[in-house]
């Protein structure tokens, strides 16, 4: 079961890399006011959601301790990210504030995962 958990952790990291990578590729466009949410950002956020739910289930099935408050905060941030990216995914230009907020929430989610013990 530990191997399965590690596989889903790897997939979860791929999801966050896709979301953050999509954001970083649009930084120059954000400066010009032409940034948009690329499909990689939506797919990364969805990957994070699915793998995160699976990870919580697998860890609880193994009787590992799960910090429900930490998971709840991370889930809330991800839902906001996913909602913004999903709603604005077809727009040619996204407001700098909204685009920056998605980047900020993504980085916050990473730091919560790493630093919250």
N, C-alpha and C. Protein backbone atom coordinates (compact mmCIF):
# COMPACT_ATOMS: atom_id res chain seq x y z
N UNK A 1 0.83 -1.20 0.00
CA UNK A 1 0.00 0.00 0.00
C UNK A 1 0.87 1.25 0.00
N UNK A 2 2.04 1.18 0.64
CA UNK A 2 2.93 2.34 0.66
C UNK A 2 3.39 2.72 -0.74
N UNK A 3 3.61 1.73 -1.60
CA UNK A 3 4.01 2.02 -2.98
C UNK A 3 2.90 2.79 -3.69
N UNK A 4 1.66 2.40 -3.47
CA UNK A 4 0.52 3.09 -4.08
C UNK A 4 0.43 4.53 -3.59
N UNK A 5 0.66 4.73 -2.30
CA UNK A 5 0.66 6.08 -1.75
C UNK A 5 1.75 6.92 -2.40
N UNK A 6 2.93 6.34 -2.57
CA UNK A 6 4.04 7.08 -3.19
C UNK A 6 3.75 7.41 -4.65
N UNK A 7 3.08 6.52 -5.34
CA UNK A 7 2.70 6.79 -6.73
C UNK A 7 1.75 7.98 -6.79
N UNK A 8 0.77 8.02 -5.90
CA UNK A 8 -0.17 9.13 -5.90
C UNK A 8 0.47 10.43 -5.42
N UNK A 9 1.45 10.36 -4.54
CA UNK A 9 2.19 11.56 -4.16
C UNK A 9 2.92 12.11 -5.39
N UNK A 10 3.54 11.21 -6.16
CA UNK A 10 4.21 11.64 -7.39
C UNK A 10 3.24 12.28 -8.37
N UNK A 11 2.06 11.69 -8.55
CA UNK A 11 1.05 12.27 -9.43
C UNK A 11 0.56 13.62 -8.90
N UNK A 12 0.46 13.73 -7.59
CA UNK A 12 0.05 14.99 -6.97
C UNK A 12 1.09 16.08 -7.26
N UNK A 13 2.35 15.73 -7.18
CA UNK A 13 3.43 16.68 -7.47
C UNK A 13 3.40 17.07 -8.95
N UNK A 14 3.12 16.12 -9.83
CA UNK A 14 2.99 16.44 -11.25
C UNK A 14 1.85 17.44 -11.48
N UNK A 15 0.75 17.27 -10.75
CA UNK A 15 -0.37 18.20 -10.85
C UNK A 15 0.00 19.60 -10.42
N UNK A 16 0.70 19.74 -9.30
CA UNK A 16 1.10 21.06 -8.84
C UNK A 16 2.13 21.67 -9.78
N UNK A 17 2.99 20.82 -10.35
CA UNK A 17 3.97 21.32 -11.32
C UNK A 17 3.28 21.86 -12.56
N UNK A 18 2.24 21.19 -13.00
CA UNK A 18 1.49 21.64 -14.17
C UNK A 18 0.80 22.96 -13.89
N UNK A 19 0.19 23.08 -12.73
CA UNK A 19 -0.50 24.32 -12.36
C UNK A 19 0.49 25.47 -12.22
N UNK A 20 1.55 25.25 -11.48
CA UNK A 20 2.54 26.31 -11.28
C UNK A 20 3.30 26.61 -12.57
N UNK A 21 3.63 25.59 -13.33
CA UNK A 21 4.32 25.80 -14.60
C UNK A 21 3.49 26.61 -15.58
N UNK A 22 2.20 26.30 -15.65
CA UNK A 22 1.31 27.09 -16.51
C UNK A 22 1.27 28.54 -16.08
N UNK A 23 1.26 28.77 -14.78
CA UNK A 23 1.27 30.15 -14.27
C UNK A 23 2.58 30.84 -14.64
N UNK A 24 3.69 30.17 -14.41
CA UNK A 24 4.99 30.78 -14.67
C UNK A 24 5.21 31.09 -16.14
N UNK A 25 4.66 30.26 -17.03
CA UNK A 25 4.82 30.54 -18.46
C UNK A 25 4.05 31.78 -18.89
N UNK A 26 3.09 32.19 -18.10
CA UNK A 26 2.27 33.35 -18.46
C UNK A 26 2.69 34.63 -17.72
N UNK A 27 3.78 34.58 -16.96
CA UNK A 27 4.18 35.77 -16.19
C UNK A 27 4.51 36.96 -17.09
N UNK A 28 5.22 36.71 -18.18
CA UNK A 28 5.56 37.81 -19.09
C UNK A 28 4.29 38.40 -19.70
N UNK A 29 3.36 37.54 -20.07
CA UNK A 29 2.09 38.00 -20.61
C UNK A 29 1.28 38.75 -19.55
N UNK A 30 1.43 38.34 -18.29
CA UNK A 30 0.73 39.03 -17.21
C UNK A 30 1.21 40.47 -17.11
N UNK A 31 2.52 40.67 -17.28
CA UNK A 31 3.06 42.02 -17.26
C UNK A 31 2.50 42.87 -18.38
N UNK A 32 2.23 42.24 -19.52
CA UNK A 32 1.68 42.96 -20.67
C UNK A 32 0.15 43.05 -20.60
N UNK A 33 -0.46 42.37 -19.63
CA UNK A 33 -1.91 42.41 -19.49
C UNK A 33 -2.64 41.44 -20.41
N UNK A 34 -1.92 40.45 -20.95
CA UNK A 34 -2.54 39.50 -21.88
C UNK A 34 -2.49 38.06 -21.36
N UNK A 35 -2.29 37.88 -20.08
CA UNK A 35 -2.20 36.53 -19.52
C UNK A 35 -3.54 35.82 -19.63
N UNK A 36 -3.46 34.51 -19.78
CA UNK A 36 -4.66 33.69 -19.82
C UNK A 36 -4.38 32.38 -19.09
N UNK A 37 -5.44 31.72 -18.69
CA UNK A 37 -5.30 30.43 -18.03
C UNK A 37 -5.16 29.36 -19.11
N UNK A 38 -4.01 28.73 -19.15
CA UNK A 38 -3.75 27.69 -20.15
C UNK A 38 -4.34 26.37 -19.68
N UNK A 39 -4.64 25.45 -20.61
CA UNK A 39 -5.24 24.16 -20.22
C UNK A 39 -4.41 23.39 -19.19
N UNK A 40 -3.09 23.54 -19.21
CA UNK A 40 -2.25 22.82 -18.24
C UNK A 40 -2.61 23.22 -16.81
N UNK A 41 -3.03 24.46 -16.61
CA UNK A 41 -3.38 24.91 -15.27
C UNK A 41 -4.65 24.21 -14.78
N UNK A 42 -5.63 24.11 -15.66
CA UNK A 42 -6.88 23.43 -15.28
C UNK A 42 -6.62 21.94 -15.03
N UNK A 43 -5.88 21.31 -15.93
CA UNK A 43 -5.60 19.89 -15.77
C UNK A 43 -4.75 19.62 -14.53
N UNK A 44 -3.81 20.50 -14.23
CA UNK A 44 -3.00 20.35 -13.03
C UNK A 44 -3.84 20.45 -11.76
N UNK A 45 -4.74 21.44 -11.73
CA UNK A 45 -5.60 21.61 -10.56
C UNK A 45 -6.53 20.41 -10.37
N UNK A 46 -7.07 19.90 -11.47
CA UNK A 46 -7.93 18.72 -11.37
C UNK A 46 -7.14 17.49 -10.92
N UNK A 47 -5.92 17.35 -11.43
CA UNK A 47 -5.06 16.25 -10.99
C UNK A 47 -4.78 16.34 -9.51
N UNK A 48 -4.50 17.55 -9.03
CA UNK A 48 -4.26 17.74 -7.60
C UNK A 48 -5.47 17.35 -6.78
N UNK A 49 -6.65 17.74 -7.23
CA UNK A 49 -7.87 17.44 -6.49
C UNK A 49 -8.09 15.93 -6.39
N UNK A 50 -8.03 15.25 -7.53
CA UNK A 50 -8.29 13.81 -7.54
C UNK A 50 -7.23 13.06 -6.73
N UNK A 51 -5.95 13.35 -6.97
CA UNK A 51 -4.90 12.63 -6.25
C UNK A 51 -4.90 12.98 -4.77
N UNK A 52 -5.24 14.21 -4.43
CA UNK A 52 -5.31 14.59 -3.02
C UNK A 52 -6.39 13.82 -2.27
N UNK A 53 -7.56 13.68 -2.89
CA UNK A 53 -8.65 12.92 -2.27
C UNK A 53 -8.23 11.45 -2.12
N UNK A 54 -7.61 10.90 -3.16
CA UNK A 54 -7.15 9.51 -3.09
C UNK A 54 -6.10 9.35 -1.99
N UNK A 55 -5.18 10.30 -1.88
CA UNK A 55 -4.14 10.22 -0.85
C UNK A 55 -4.73 10.24 0.56
N UNK A 56 -5.71 11.09 0.78
CA UNK A 56 -6.34 11.13 2.10
C UNK A 56 -7.00 9.78 2.39
N UNK A 57 -7.70 9.23 1.41
CA UNK A 57 -8.35 7.94 1.60
C UNK A 57 -7.37 6.82 1.86
N UNK A 58 -6.28 6.78 1.08
CA UNK A 58 -5.28 5.73 1.26
C UNK A 58 -4.59 5.85 2.62
N UNK A 59 -4.27 7.07 3.03
CA UNK A 59 -3.62 7.26 4.33
C UNK A 59 -4.54 6.88 5.47
N UNK A 60 -5.81 7.22 5.37
CA UNK A 60 -6.75 6.83 6.42
C UNK A 60 -6.98 5.32 6.43
N UNK A 61 -6.97 4.69 5.26
CA UNK A 61 -7.13 3.24 5.19
C UNK A 61 -5.97 2.51 5.85
N UNK A 62 -4.80 3.12 5.83
CA UNK A 62 -3.61 2.54 6.46
C UNK A 62 -3.50 2.93 7.94
N UNK A 63 -4.46 3.66 8.44
CA UNK A 63 -4.47 4.17 9.82
C UNK A 63 -3.32 5.12 10.10
N UNK A 64 -2.84 5.80 9.03
CA UNK A 64 -1.85 6.87 9.22
C UNK A 64 -2.59 8.11 9.69
N UNK A 65 -1.92 8.95 10.46
CA UNK A 65 -2.58 10.16 10.93
C UNK A 65 -2.69 11.16 9.78
N UNK A 66 -3.85 11.78 9.68
CA UNK A 66 -4.12 12.79 8.67
C UNK A 66 -4.54 14.05 9.40
N UNK A 67 -3.87 15.16 9.13
CA UNK A 67 -4.21 16.45 9.73
C UNK A 67 -5.38 17.03 8.95
N UNK A 68 -6.59 16.82 9.47
CA UNK A 68 -7.79 17.22 8.75
C UNK A 68 -7.89 18.72 8.55
N UNK A 69 -7.37 19.50 9.48
CA UNK A 69 -7.41 20.96 9.33
C UNK A 69 -6.50 21.39 8.18
N UNK A 70 -5.30 20.83 8.14
CA UNK A 70 -4.37 21.13 7.04
C UNK A 70 -4.98 20.73 5.71
N UNK A 71 -5.56 19.54 5.62
CA UNK A 71 -6.17 19.07 4.38
C UNK A 71 -7.35 19.97 4.01
N UNK A 72 -8.11 20.40 4.99
CA UNK A 72 -9.24 21.29 4.73
C UNK A 72 -8.80 22.64 4.17
N UNK A 73 -7.74 23.20 4.73
CA UNK A 73 -7.22 24.48 4.23
C UNK A 73 -6.70 24.31 2.81
N UNK A 74 -5.93 23.25 2.58
CA UNK A 74 -5.40 23.00 1.24
C UNK A 74 -6.54 22.78 0.24
N UNK A 75 -7.57 22.05 0.64
CA UNK A 75 -8.71 21.82 -0.23
C UNK A 75 -9.45 23.12 -0.54
N UNK A 76 -9.63 23.96 0.47
CA UNK A 76 -10.31 25.24 0.25
C UNK A 76 -9.54 26.10 -0.75
N UNK A 77 -8.22 26.18 -0.59
CA UNK A 77 -7.42 26.95 -1.54
C UNK A 77 -7.52 26.36 -2.94
N UNK A 78 -7.47 25.05 -3.04
CA UNK A 78 -7.53 24.40 -4.35
C UNK A 78 -8.89 24.61 -5.01
N UNK A 79 -9.96 24.60 -4.23
CA UNK A 79 -11.29 24.84 -4.80
C UNK A 79 -11.39 26.26 -5.35
N UNK A 80 -10.82 27.22 -4.64
CA UNK A 80 -10.81 28.60 -5.15
C UNK A 80 -10.00 28.67 -6.45
N UNK A 81 -8.81 28.06 -6.45
CA UNK A 81 -7.97 28.04 -7.65
C UNK A 81 -8.73 27.39 -8.80
N UNK A 82 -9.29 26.22 -8.55
CA UNK A 82 -9.99 25.47 -9.58
C UNK A 82 -11.19 26.26 -10.11
N UNK A 83 -11.92 26.89 -9.22
CA UNK A 83 -13.07 27.69 -9.63
C UNK A 83 -12.67 28.85 -10.53
N UNK A 84 -11.64 29.57 -10.14
CA UNK A 84 -11.19 30.71 -10.94
C UNK A 84 -10.67 30.26 -12.31
N UNK A 85 -9.87 29.22 -12.32
CA UNK A 85 -9.31 28.74 -13.58
C UNK A 85 -10.42 28.19 -14.47
N UNK A 86 -11.36 27.47 -13.91
CA UNK A 86 -12.44 26.88 -14.71
C UNK A 86 -13.34 27.96 -15.32
N UNK A 87 -13.71 28.93 -14.52
CA UNK A 87 -14.63 29.96 -14.99
C UNK A 87 -13.97 30.85 -16.05
N UNK A 88 -12.69 31.14 -15.88
CA UNK A 88 -12.00 32.07 -16.78
C UNK A 88 -11.18 31.36 -17.86
N UNK A 89 -11.32 30.06 -18.01
CA UNK A 89 -10.45 29.30 -18.91
C UNK A 89 -10.59 29.66 -20.38
N UNK A 90 -11.73 30.15 -20.82
CA UNK A 90 -11.95 30.46 -22.23
C UNK A 90 -11.72 31.93 -22.58
N UNK A 91 -11.40 32.74 -21.58
CA UNK A 91 -11.18 34.16 -21.85
C UNK A 91 -9.80 34.38 -22.46
N UNK A 92 -9.74 35.27 -23.44
CA UNK A 92 -8.46 35.58 -24.10
C UNK A 92 -7.50 36.29 -23.16
N UNK A 93 -8.04 37.14 -22.28
CA UNK A 93 -7.22 37.86 -21.30
C UNK A 93 -7.87 37.74 -19.94
N UNK A 94 -7.06 37.52 -18.94
CA UNK A 94 -7.54 37.45 -17.57
C UNK A 94 -6.95 38.64 -16.82
N UNK A 95 -7.76 39.24 -15.97
CA UNK A 95 -7.32 40.37 -15.16
C UNK A 95 -6.06 40.00 -14.37
N UNK A 96 -5.13 40.96 -14.28
CA UNK A 96 -3.86 40.70 -13.57
C UNK A 96 -4.10 40.27 -12.13
N UNK A 97 -5.06 40.88 -11.47
CA UNK A 97 -5.34 40.55 -10.08
C UNK A 97 -5.80 39.12 -9.90
N UNK A 98 -6.70 38.67 -10.76
CA UNK A 98 -7.21 37.31 -10.68
C UNK A 98 -6.10 36.32 -11.01
N UNK A 99 -5.33 36.63 -12.05
CA UNK A 99 -4.24 35.74 -12.44
C UNK A 99 -3.19 35.66 -11.34
N UNK A 100 -2.84 36.81 -10.76
CA UNK A 100 -1.87 36.83 -9.67
C UNK A 100 -2.37 36.10 -8.44
N UNK A 101 -3.68 36.21 -8.18
CA UNK A 101 -4.27 35.50 -7.04
C UNK A 101 -4.12 33.99 -7.18
N UNK A 102 -4.34 33.49 -8.39
CA UNK A 102 -4.18 32.05 -8.62
C UNK A 102 -2.74 31.63 -8.36
N UNK A 103 -1.79 32.43 -8.82
CA UNK A 103 -0.38 32.12 -8.56
C UNK A 103 -0.05 32.16 -7.08
N UNK A 104 -0.56 33.16 -6.39
CA UNK A 104 -0.32 33.30 -4.95
C UNK A 104 -0.92 32.14 -4.18
N UNK A 105 -2.15 31.75 -4.52
CA UNK A 105 -2.79 30.64 -3.83
C UNK A 105 -2.08 29.32 -4.12
N UNK A 106 -1.56 29.18 -5.34
CA UNK A 106 -0.81 27.97 -5.69
C UNK A 106 0.45 27.87 -4.85
N UNK A 107 1.19 28.95 -4.77
CA UNK A 107 2.42 28.95 -3.97
C UNK A 107 2.09 28.75 -2.48
N UNK A 108 1.02 29.37 -2.01
CA UNK A 108 0.61 29.18 -0.62
C UNK A 108 0.28 27.72 -0.36
N UNK A 109 -0.39 27.07 -1.30
CA UNK A 109 -0.73 25.66 -1.15
C UNK A 109 0.54 24.80 -1.05
N UNK A 110 1.54 25.14 -1.84
CA UNK A 110 2.82 24.41 -1.79
C UNK A 110 3.47 24.58 -0.43
N UNK A 111 3.53 25.81 0.06
CA UNK A 111 4.19 26.06 1.34
C UNK A 111 3.41 25.45 2.51
N UNK A 112 2.09 25.43 2.42
CA UNK A 112 1.30 24.76 3.46
C UNK A 112 1.65 23.27 3.48
N UNK A 113 1.74 22.67 2.30
CA UNK A 113 2.06 21.24 2.22
C UNK A 113 3.42 20.93 2.81
N UNK A 114 4.39 21.81 2.58
CA UNK A 114 5.75 21.54 2.99
C UNK A 114 6.03 21.94 4.44
N UNK A 115 5.51 23.08 4.85
CA UNK A 115 5.89 23.65 6.15
C UNK A 115 4.93 23.31 7.30
N UNK A 116 3.70 23.02 7.02
CA UNK A 116 2.71 22.74 8.07
C UNK A 116 2.94 21.31 8.56
N UNK A 117 3.42 21.20 9.80
CA UNK A 117 3.68 19.87 10.35
C UNK A 117 2.85 19.63 11.59
